[in-house]
Amino acid sequence: SLTARPVSRVQRVSVVTQSAAGNWFPGSETPAHLSSSSLPGNFG
């Protein structure tokens, strides 16, 4: 009975939400015209 009974496993899933890296305001979106810009000091 112990062998036949399936062992239930609890899986914990962590979801991490990140804002745009280095943006001037945490969580703000980078404007489309600056998203691909390589200008020095571009923080969106």
All heavy atoms as atom14 arrays in JSON, in Angstrom:
{
  "sequence": "SLTARPVSRVQRVSVVTQSAAGNWFPGSETPAHLSSSSLPGNFG",
  "atom14_mask": [
    [1, 1, 1, 1, 1, 1, 0, 0, 0, 0, 0, 0, 0, 0],
    [1, 1, 1, 1, 1, 1, 1, 1, 0, 0, 0, 0, 0, 0],
    [1, 1, 1, 1, 1, 1, 1, 0, 0, 0, 0, 0, 0, 0],
    [1, 1, 1, 1, 1, 0, 0, 0, 0, 0, 0, 0, 0, 0],
    [1, 1, 1, 1, 1, 1, 1, 1, 1, 1, 1, 0, 0, 0],
    [1, 1, 1, 1, 1, 1, 1, 0, 0, 0, 0, 0, 0, 0],
    [1, 1, 1, 1, 1, 1, 1, 0, 0, 0, 0, 0, 0, 0],
    [1, 1, 1, 1, 1, 1, 0, 0, 0, 0, 0, 0, 0, 0],
    [1, 1, 1, 1, 1, 1, 1, 1, 1, 1, 1, 0, 0, 0],
    [1, 1, 1, 1, 1, 1, 1, 0, 0, 0, 0, 0, 0, 0],
    [1, 1, 1, 1, 1, 1, 1, 1, 1, 0, 0, 0, 0, 0],
    [1, 1, 1, 1, 1, 1, 1, 1, 1, 1, 1, 0, 0, 0],
    [1, 1, 1, 1, 1, 1, 1, 0, 0, 0, 0, 0, 0, 0],
    [1, 1, 1, 1, 1, 1, 0, 0, 0, 0, 0, 0, 0, 0],
    [1, 1, 1, 1, 1, 1, 1, 0, 0, 0, 0, 0, 0, 0],
    [1, 1, 1, 1, 1, 1, 1, 0, 0, 0, 0, 0, 0, 0],
    [1, 1, 1, 1, 1, 1, 1, 0, 0, 0, 0, 0, 0, 0],
    [1, 1, 1, 1, 1, 1, 1, 1, 1, 0, 0, 0, 0, 0],
    [1, 1, 1, 1, 1, 1, 0, 0, 0, 0, 0, 0, 0, 0],
    [1, 1, 1, 1, 1, 0, 0, 0, 0, 0, 0, 0, 0, 0],
    [1, 1, 1, 1, 1, 0, 0, 0, 0, 0, 0, 0, 0, 0],
    [1, 1, 1, 1, 0, 0, 0, 0, 0, 0, 0, 0, 0, 0],
    [1, 1, 1, 1, 1, 1, 1, 1, 0, 0, 0, 0, 0, 0],
    [1, 1, 1, 1, 1, 1, 1, 1, 1, 1, 1, 1, 1, 1],
    [1, 1, 1, 1, 1, 1, 1, 1, 1, 1, 1, 0, 0, 0],
    [1, 1, 1, 1, 1, 1, 1, 0, 0, 0, 0, 0, 0, 0],
    [1, 1, 1, 1, 0, 0, 0, 0, 0, 0, 0, 0, 0, 0],
    [1, 1, 1, 1, 1, 1, 0, 0, 0, 0, 0, 0, 0, 0],
    [1, 1, 1, 1, 1, 1, 1, 1, 1, 0, 0, 0, 0, 0],
    [1, 1, 1, 1, 1, 1, 1, 0, 0, 0, 0, 0, 0, 0],
    [1, 1, 1, 1, 1, 1, 1, 0, 0, 0, 0, 0, 0, 0],
    [1, 1, 1, 1, 1, 0, 0, 0, 0, 0, 0, 0, 0, 0],
    [1, 1, 1, 1, 1, 1, 1, 1, 1, 1, 0, 0, 0, 0],
    [1, 1, 1, 1, 1, 1, 1, 1, 0, 0, 0, 0, 0, 0],
    [1, 1, 1, 1, 1, 1, 0, 0, 0, 0, 0, 0, 0, 0],
    [1, 1, 1, 1, 1, 1, 0, 0, 0, 0, 0, 0, 0, 0],
    [1, 1, 1, 1, 1, 1, 0, 0, 0, 0, 0, 0, 0, 0],
    [1, 1, 1, 1, 1, 1, 0, 0, 0, 0, 0, 0, 0, 0],
    [1, 1, 1, 1, 1, 1, 1, 1, 0, 0, 0, 0, 0, 0],
    [1, 1, 1, 1, 1, 1, 1, 0, 0, 0, 0, 0, 0, 0],
    [1, 1, 1, 1, 0, 0, 0, 0, 0, 0, 0, 0, 0, 0],
    [1, 1, 1, 1, 1, 1, 1, 1, 0, 0, 0, 0, 0, 0],
    [1, 1, 1, 1, 1, 1, 1, 1, 1, 1, 1, 0, 0, 0],
    [1, 1, 1, 1, 0, 0, 0, 0, 0, 0, 0, 0, 0, 0]
  ],
  "atom14_positions": [
    [[0.83, -1.21, 0.0], [0.0, 0.0, 0.0], [0.86, 1.26, 0.0], [0.55, 2.25, -0.65], [-0.93, -0.01, 1.22], [-0.16, 0.01, 2.42], [0.0, 0.0, 0.0], [0.0, 0.0, 0.0], [0.0, 0.0, 0.0], [0.0, 0.0, 0.0], [0.0, 0.0, 0.0], [0.0, 0.0, 0.0], [0.0, 0.0, 0.0], [0.0, 0.0, 0.0]],
    [[1.97, 1.2, 0.71], [2.87, 2.35, 0.73], [3.55, 2.56, -0.6], [3.75, 3.69, -1.06], [3.92, 2.18, 1.84], [3.4, 2.26, 3.28], [4.52, 1.95, 4.27], [2.8, 3.63, 3.56], [0.0, 0.0, 0.0], [0.0, 0.0, 0.0], [0.0, 0.0, 0.0], [0.0, 0.0, 0.0], [0.0, 0.0, 0.0], [0.0, 0.0, 0.0]],
    [[3.87, 1.43, -1.28], [4.56, 1.54, -2.58], [3.61, 2.02, -3.66], [3.97, 2.82, -4.52], [5.14, 0.17, -2.97], [6.01, -0.26, -1.92], [5.93, 0.28, -4.27], [0.0, 0.0, 0.0], [0.0, 0.0, 0.0], [0.0, 0.0, 0.0], [0.0, 0.0, 0.0], [0.0, 0.0, 0.0], [0.0, 0.0, 0.0], [0.0, 0.0, 0.0]],
    [[2.38, 1.55, -3.62], [1.43, 1.89, -4.68], [0.88, 3.3, -4.55], [0.45, 3.91, -5.52], [0.26, 0.89, -4.66], [0.0, 0.0, 0.0], [0.0, 0.0, 0.0], [0.0, 0.0, 0.0], [0.0, 0.0, 0.0], [0.0, 0.0, 0.0], [0.0, 0.0, 0.0], [0.0, 0.0, 0.0], [0.0, 0.0, 0.0], [0.0, 0.0, 0.0]],
    [[0.88, 3.81, -3.3], [0.3, 5.15, -3.1], [1.25, 6.22, -3.65], [2.42, 6.27, -3.26], [0.06, 5.37, -1.62], [-0.59, 6.72, -1.32], [-0.84, 6.86, 0.16], [-1.79, 5.8, 0.61], [-2.09, 5.6, 1.89], [-1.52, 6.34, 2.83], [-2.95, 4.64, 2.21], [0.0, 0.0, 0.0], [0.0, 0.0, 0.0], [0.0, 0.0, 0.0]],
    [[0.78, 7.06, -4.54], [1.65, 8.12, -5.08], [2.0, 9.15, -4.02], [1.17, 9.49, -3.16], [0.81, 8.74, -6.2], [-0.59, 8.46, -5.8], [-0.58, 7.12, -5.09], [0.0, 0.0, 0.0], [0.0, 0.0, 0.0], [0.0, 0.0, 0.0], [0.0, 0.0, 0.0], [0.0, 0.0, 0.0], [0.0, 0.0, 0.0], [0.0, 0.0, 0.0]],
    [[3.22, 9.59, -4.06], [3.69, 10.59, -3.1], [3.48, 11.97, -3.7], [3.99, 12.28, -4.78], [5.19, 10.37, -2.78], [5.67, 11.44, -1.81], [5.41, 8.98, -2.2], [0.0, 0.0, 0.0], [0.0, 0.0, 0.0], [0.0, 0.0, 0.0], [0.0, 0.0, 0.0], [0.0, 0.0, 0.0], [0.0, 0.0, 0.0], [0.0, 0.0, 0.0]],
    [[2.68, 12.76, -3.04], [2.4, 14.12, -3.54], [3.52, 15.06, -3.11], [3.95, 15.04, -1.95], [1.06, 14.61, -3.01], [1.08, 14.65, -1.6], [0.0, 0.0, 0.0], [0.0, 0.0, 0.0], [0.0, 0.0, 0.0], [0.0, 0.0, 0.0], [0.0, 0.0, 0.0], [0.0, 0.0, 0.0], [0.0, 0.0, 0.0], [0.0, 0.0, 0.0]],
    [[4.01, 15.86, -4.04], [5.07, 16.82, -3.76], [4.52, 18.24, -3.96], [3.82, 18.51, -4.91], [6.26, 16.6, -4.68], [6.94, 15.24, -4.47], [8.11, 15.1, -5.41], [8.77, 13.82, -5.22], [9.82, 13.41, -5.94], [10.29, 14.19, -6.9], [10.36, 12.23, -5.7], [0.0, 0.0, 0.0], [0.0, 0.0, 0.0], [0.0, 0.0, 0.0]],
    [[4.89, 19.07, -3.07], [4.49, 20.47, -3.14], [5.61, 21.27, -3.79], [6.74, 21.28, -3.3], [4.19, 21.04, -1.74], [3.8, 22.52, -1.83], [3.09, 20.23, -1.07], [0.0, 0.0, 0.0], [0.0, 0.0, 0.0], [0.0, 0.0, 0.0], [0.0, 0.0, 0.0], [0.0, 0.0, 0.0], [0.0, 0.0, 0.0], [0.0, 0.0, 0.0]],
    [[5.3, 21.88, -4.9], [6.28, 22.7, -5.61], [5.98, 24.16, -5.4], [4.84, 24.61, -5.55], [6.26, 22.38, -7.12], [6.72, 20.96, -7.44], [6.76, 20.73, -8.93], [6.25, 21.54, -9.69], [7.36, 19.63, -9.33], [0.0, 0.0, 0.0], [0.0, 0.0, 0.0], [0.0, 0.0, 0.0], [0.0, 0.0, 0.0], [0.0, 0.0, 0.0]],
    [[7.0, 24.88, -5.01], [6.86, 26.31, -4.76], [7.47, 27.09, -5.92], [8.63, 26.9, -6.27], [7.56, 26.68, -3.46], [7.39, 28.14, -3.05], [7.97, 28.38, -1.68], [7.24, 27.59, -0.68], [7.62, 27.51, 0.6], [8.7, 28.14, 1.0], [6.91, 26.78, 1.44], [0.0, 0.0, 0.0], [0.0, 0.0, 0.0], [0.0, 0.0, 0.0]],
    [[6.69, 27.94, -6.52], [7.14, 28.73, -7.67], [7.25, 30.19, -7.25], [6.32, 30.76, -6.68], [6.15, 28.6, -8.86], [6.64, 29.45, -10.03], [6.02, 27.14, -9.26], [0.0, 0.0, 0.0], [0.0, 0.0, 0.0], [0.0, 0.0, 0.0], [0.0, 0.0, 0.0], [0.0, 0.0, 0.0], [0.0, 0.0, 0.0], [0.0, 0.0, 0.0]],
    [[8.41, 30.76, -7.51], [8.64, 32.17, -7.2], [8.59, 32.99, -8.47], [9.23, 32.64, -9.47], [10.01, 32.36, -6.5], [10.05, 31.62, -5.29], [0.0, 0.0, 0.0], [0.0, 0.0, 0.0], [0.0, 0.0, 0.0], [0.0, 0.0, 0.0], [0.0, 0.0, 0.0], [0.0, 0.0, 0.0], [0.0, 0.0, 0.0], [0.0, 0.0, 0.0]],
    [[7.84, 34.05, -8.45], [7.73, 34.95, -9.59], [8.4, 36.27, -9.22], [8.02, 36.91, -8.24], [6.26, 35.18, -9.98], [6.18, 36.15, -11.17], [5.59, 33.85, -10.32], [0.0, 0.0, 0.0], [0.0, 0.0, 0.0], [0.0, 0.0, 0.0], [0.0, 0.0, 0.0], [0.0, 0.0, 0.0], [0.0, 0.0, 0.0], [0.0, 0.0, 0.0]],
    [[9.39, 36.63, -9.99], [10.13, 37.86, -9.73], [9.8, 38.86, -10.83], [9.95, 38.56, -12.01], [11.65, 37.61, -9.69], [12.39, 38.91, -9.43], [11.98, 36.58, -8.62], [0.0, 0.0, 0.0], [0.0, 0.0, 0.0], [0.0, 0.0, 0.0], [0.0, 0.0, 0.0], [0.0, 0.0, 0.0], [0.0, 0.0, 0.0], [0.0, 0.0, 0.0]],
    [[9.35, 40.02, -10.43], [9.02, 41.08, -11.37], [10.1, 42.15, -11.3], [10.42, 42.64, -10.21], [7.66, 41.71, -11.05], [6.68, 40.67, -11.06], [7.29, 42.77, -12.07], [0.0, 0.0, 0.0], [0.0, 0.0, 0.0], [0.0, 0.0, 0.0], [0.0, 0.0, 0.0], [0.0, 0.0, 0.0], [0.0, 0.0, 0.0], [0.0, 0.0, 0.0]],
    [[10.67, 42.48, -12.43], [11.74, 43.46, -12.48], [11.32, 44.63, -13.37], [10.69, 44.44, -14.4], [13.03, 42.86, -13.03], [13.63, 41.8, -12.12], [14.94, 41.26, -12.68], [15.23, 41.46, -13.85], [15.7, 40.58, -11.86], [0.0, 0.0, 0.0], [0.0, 0.0, 0.0], [0.0, 0.0, 0.0], [0.0, 0.0, 0.0], [0.0, 0.0, 0.0]],
    [[11.66, 45.81, -12.92], [11.44, 46.99, -13.74], [12.58, 47.12, -14.73], [13.56, 46.39, -14.66], [11.34, 48.24, -12.88], [12.53, 48.42, -12.15], [0.0, 0.0, 0.0], [0.0, 0.0, 0.0], [0.0, 0.0, 0.0], [0.0, 0.0, 0.0], [0.0, 0.0, 0.0], [0.0, 0.0, 0.0], [0.0, 0.0, 0.0], [0.0, 0.0, 0.0]],
    [[12.43, 48.06, -15.64], [13.5, 48.29, -16.61], [14.78, 48.65, -15.88], [14.8, 49.49, -14.99], [13.1, 49.4, -17.57], [0.0, 0.0, 0.0], [0.0, 0.0, 0.0], [0.0, 0.0, 0.0], [0.0, 0.0, 0.0], [0.0, 0.0, 0.0], [0.0, 0.0, 0.0], [0.0, 0.0, 0.0], [0.0, 0.0, 0.0], [0.0, 0.0, 0.0]],
    [[15.86, 47.99, -16.23], [17.13, 48.17, -15.54], [17.64, 49.6, -15.7], [17.75, 50.11, -16.8], [18.17, 47.19, -16.09], [0.0, 0.0, 0.0], [0.0, 0.0, 0.0], [0.0, 0.0, 0.0], [0.0, 0.0, 0.0], [0.0, 0.0, 0.0], [0.0, 0.0, 0.0], [0.0, 0.0, 0.0], [0.0, 0.0, 0.0], [0.0, 0.0, 0.0]],
    [[17.91, 50.24, -14.55], [18.53, 51.54, -14.58], [17.62, 52.69, -14.95], [18.11, 53.78, -15.24], [0.0, 0.0, 0.0], [0.0, 0.0, 0.0], [0.0, 0.0, 0.0], [0.0, 0.0, 0.0], [0.0, 0.0, 0.0], [0.0, 0.0, 0.0], [0.0, 0.0, 0.0], [0.0, 0.0, 0.0], [0.0, 0.0, 0.0], [0.0, 0.0, 0.0]],
    [[16.32, 52.5, -14.95], [15.43, 53.59, -15.3], [15.43, 54.65, -14.2], [15.69, 54.37, -13.03], [14.01, 53.09, -15.54], [13.71, 52.92, -17.01], [14.62, 52.76, -17.82], [12.45, 52.95, -17.38], [0.0, 0.0, 0.0], [0.0, 0.0, 0.0], [0.0, 0.0, 0.0], [0.0, 0.0, 0.0], [0.0, 0.0, 0.0], [0.0, 0.0, 0.0]],
    [[15.1, 55.87, -14.58], [15.15, 56.99, -13.64], [14.15, 56.84, -12.51], [14.38, 57.32, -11.41], [14.9, 58.3, -14.38], [13.49, 58.45, -14.89], [12.97, 57.89, -16.02], [12.42, 59.17, -14.27], [11.64, 58.22, -16.15], [11.28, 59.02, -15.09], [12.33, 59.96, -13.12], [10.06, 59.6, -14.78], [11.1, 60.53, -12.82], [9.99, 60.36, -13.65]],
    [[13.04, 56.14, -12.79], [12.03, 55.91, -11.76], [11.72, 54.42, -11.72], [11.41, 53.83, -12.75], [10.76, 56.71, -12.06], [9.73, 56.66, -10.97], [9.88, 57.46, -9.85], [8.64, 55.81, -11.05], [8.94, 57.42, -8.82], [7.7, 55.76, -10.04], [7.85, 56.57, -8.91], [0.0, 0.0, 0.0], [0.0, 0.0, 0.0], [0.0, 0.0, 0.0]],
    [[11.81, 53.79, -10.55], [11.58, 52.34, -10.45], [10.22, 51.95, -10.98], [9.19, 52.51, -10.6], [11.69, 52.07, -8.94], [12.52, 53.19, -8.41], [12.19, 54.38, -9.24], [0.0, 0.0, 0.0], [0.0, 0.0, 0.0], [0.0, 0.0, 0.0], [0.0, 0.0, 0.0], [0.0, 0.0, 0.0], [0.0, 0.0, 0.0], [0.0, 0.0, 0.0]],
    [[10.21, 50.98, -11.89], [8.97, 50.48, -12.45], [8.48, 51.21, -13.67], [7.5, 50.8, -14.28], [0.0, 0.0, 0.0], [0.0, 0.0, 0.0], [0.0, 0.0, 0.0], [0.0, 0.0, 0.0], [0.0, 0.0, 0.0], [0.0, 0.0, 0.0], [0.0, 0.0, 0.0], [0.0, 0.0, 0.0], [0.0, 0.0, 0.0], [0.0, 0.0, 0.0]],
    [[9.14, 52.31, -14.02], [8.71, 53.08, -15.19], [9.16, 52.39, -16.47], [10.15, 51.66, -16.49], [9.28, 54.5, -15.15], [10.69, 54.48, -15.18], [0.0, 0.0, 0.0], [0.0, 0.0, 0.0], [0.0, 0.0, 0.0], [0.0, 0.0, 0.0], [0.0, 0.0, 0.0], [0.0, 0.0, 0.0], [0.0, 0.0, 0.0], [0.0, 0.0, 0.0]],
    [[8.41, 52.63, -17.53], [8.73, 52.03, -18.82], [9.59, 53.0, -19.65], [9.38, 54.21, -19.62], [7.45, 51.69, -19.59], [6.6, 50.63, -18.92], [5.38, 50.28, -19.76], [5.24, 50.87, -20.86], [4.58, 49.44, -19.31], [0.0, 0.0, 0.0], [0.0, 0.0, 0.0], [0.0, 0.0, 0.0], [0.0, 0.0, 0.0], [0.0, 0.0, 0.0]],
    [[10.52, 52.42, -20.36], [11.39, 53.23, -21.21], [10.64, 53.62, -22.49], [10.04, 52.76, -23.13], [12.66, 52.44, -21.6], [13.32, 52.02, -20.4], [13.6, 53.29, -22.43], [0.0, 0.0, 0.0], [0.0, 0.0, 0.0], [0.0, 0.0, 0.0], [0.0, 0.0, 0.0], [0.0, 0.0, 0.0], [0.0, 0.0, 0.0], [0.0, 0.0, 0.0]],
    [[10.65, 54.9, -22.86], [10.0, 55.3, -24.12], [10.6, 54.54, -25.3], [11.78, 54.17, -25.29], [10.31, 56.79, -24.21], [10.55, 57.22, -22.81], [11.19, 56.06, -22.13], [0.0, 0.0, 0.0], [0.0, 0.0, 0.0], [0.0, 0.0, 0.0], [0.0, 0.0, 0.0], [0.0, 0.0, 0.0], [0.0, 0.0, 0.0], [0.0, 0.0, 0.0]],
    [[9.77, 54.28, -26.29], [10.2, 53.47, -27.44], [11.42, 54.07, -28.13], [12.32, 53.35, -28.57], [9.05, 53.32, -28.43], [0.0, 0.0, 0.0], [0.0, 0.0, 0.0], [0.0, 0.0, 0.0], [0.0, 0.0, 0.0], [0.0, 0.0, 0.0], [0.0, 0.0, 0.0], [0.0, 0.0, 0.0], [0.0, 0.0, 0.0], [0.0, 0.0, 0.0]],
    [[11.48, 55.41, -28.23], [12.59, 56.03, -28.94], [13.88, 56.02, -28.15], [14.94, 56.37, -28.68], [12.23, 57.46, -29.34], [11.9, 58.35, -28.17], [10.66, 58.36, -27.58], [12.65, 59.23, -27.49], [10.65, 59.23, -26.57], [11.85, 59.77, -26.5], [0.0, 0.0, 0.0], [0.0, 0.0, 0.0], [0.0, 0.0, 0.0], [0.0, 0.0, 0.0]],
    [[13.82, 55.61, -26.87], [15.04, 55.51, -26.05], [15.4, 54.08, -25.7], [16.47, 53.83, -25.15], [14.87, 56.31, -24.75], [14.71, 57.83, -24.87], [14.51, 58.44, -23.49], [15.92, 58.45, -25.55], [0.0, 0.0, 0.0], [0.0, 0.0, 0.0], [0.0, 0.0, 0.0], [0.0, 0.0, 0.0], [0.0, 0.0, 0.0], [0.0, 0.0, 0.0]],
    [[14.52, 53.13, -26.01], [14.74, 51.74, -25.61], [15.98, 51.13, -26.27], [16.65, 50.29, -25.69], [13.51, 50.9, -25.93], [13.22, 50.94, -27.32], [0.0, 0.0, 0.0], [0.0, 0.0, 0.0], [0.0, 0.0, 0.0], [0.0, 0.0, 0.0], [0.0, 0.0, 0.0], [0.0, 0.0, 0.0], [0.0, 0.0, 0.0], [0.0, 0.0, 0.0]],
    [[16.27, 51.54, -27.48], [17.42, 50.98, -28.19], [18.57, 51.98, -28.29], [19.52, 51.76, -29.03], [17.02, 50.53, -29.59], [16.52, 51.63, -30.35], [0.0, 0.0, 0.0], [0.0, 0.0, 0.0], [0.0, 0.0, 0.0], [0.0, 0.0, 0.0], [0.0, 0.0, 0.0], [0.0, 0.0, 0.0], [0.0, 0.0, 0.0], [0.0, 0.0, 0.0]],
    [[18.47, 53.08, -27.55], [19.5, 54.12, -27.63], [20.7, 53.75, -26.77], [20.56, 53.21, -25.67], [18.94, 55.47, -27.17], [19.95, 56.44, -27.14], [0.0, 0.0, 0.0], [0.0, 0.0, 0.0], [0.0, 0.0, 0.0], [0.0, 0.0, 0.0], [0.0, 0.0, 0.0], [0.0, 0.0, 0.0], [0.0, 0.0, 0.0], [0.0, 0.0, 0.0]],
    [[21.89, 54.05, -27.28], [23.12, 53.78, -26.54], [23.76, 55.07, -26.03], [24.95, 55.11, -25.75], [24.12, 53.03, -27.44], [24.42, 53.79, -28.6], [0.0, 0.0, 0.0], [0.0, 0.0, 0.0], [0.0, 0.0, 0.0], [0.0, 0.0, 0.0], [0.0, 0.0, 0.0], [0.0, 0.0, 0.0], [0.0, 0.0, 0.0], [0.0, 0.0, 0.0]],
    [[22.95, 56.12, -25.91], [23.47, 57.39, -25.42], [23.96, 57.25, -23.98], [23.31, 56.6, -23.16], [22.39, 58.47, -25.48], [21.97, 58.95, -26.87], [20.75, 59.87, -26.76], [23.11, 59.68, -27.55], [0.0, 0.0, 0.0], [0.0, 0.0, 0.0], [0.0, 0.0, 0.0], [0.0, 0.0, 0.0], [0.0, 0.0, 0.0], [0.0, 0.0, 0.0]],
    [[25.08, 57.86, -23.64], [25.56, 57.81, -22.25], [24.55, 58.46, -21.31], [24.02, 59.53, -21.59], [26.87, 58.61, -22.3], [27.3, 58.59, -23.72], [26.04, 58.56, -24.52], [0.0, 0.0, 0.0], [0.0, 0.0, 0.0], [0.0, 0.0, 0.0], [0.0, 0.0, 0.0], [0.0, 0.0, 0.0], [0.0, 0.0, 0.0], [0.0, 0.0, 0.0]],
    [[24.28, 57.81, -20.2], [23.35, 58.37, -19.23], [21.9, 58.26, -19.63], [21.06, 59.03, -19.14], [0.0, 0.0, 0.0], [0.0, 0.0, 0.0], [0.0, 0.0, 0.0], [0.0, 0.0, 0.0], [0.0, 0.0, 0.0], [0.0, 0.0, 0.0], [0.0, 0.0, 0.0], [0.0, 0.0, 0.0], [0.0, 0.0, 0.0], [0.0, 0.0, 0.0]],
    [[21.57, 57.31, -20.5], [20.18, 57.12, -20.92], [19.45, 56.3, -19.86], [19.66, 55.1, -19.74], [20.13, 56.4, -22.27], [18.71, 56.05, -22.68], [17.74, 56.64, -22.22], [18.59, 55.06, -23.55], [0.0, 0.0, 0.0], [0.0, 0.0, 0.0], [0.0, 0.0, 0.0], [0.0, 0.0, 0.0], [0.0, 0.0, 0.0], [0.0, 0.0, 0.0]],
    [[18.59, 56.96, -19.08], [17.82, 56.28, -18.05], [16.33, 56.32, -18.35], [15.5, 56.24, -17.44], [18.1, 56.91, -16.69], [19.54, 56.78, -16.26], [20.38, 57.88, -16.3], [20.05, 55.57, -15.84], [21.72, 57.77, -15.93], [21.38, 55.45, -15.46], [22.21, 56.55, -15.5], [0.0, 0.0, 0.0], [0.0, 0.0, 0.0], [0.0, 0.0, 0.0]],
    [[15.99, 56.49, -19.63], [14.58, 56.45, -20.02], [13.78, 57.66, -19.61], [12.55, 57.57, -19.49], [0.0, 0.0, 0.0], [0.0, 0.0, 0.0], [0.0, 0.0, 0.0], [0.0, 0.0, 0.0], [0.0, 0.0, 0.0], [0.0, 0.0, 0.0], [0.0, 0.0, 0.0], [0.0, 0.0, 0.0], [0.0, 0.0, 0.0], [0.0, 0.0, 0.0]]
  ]
}
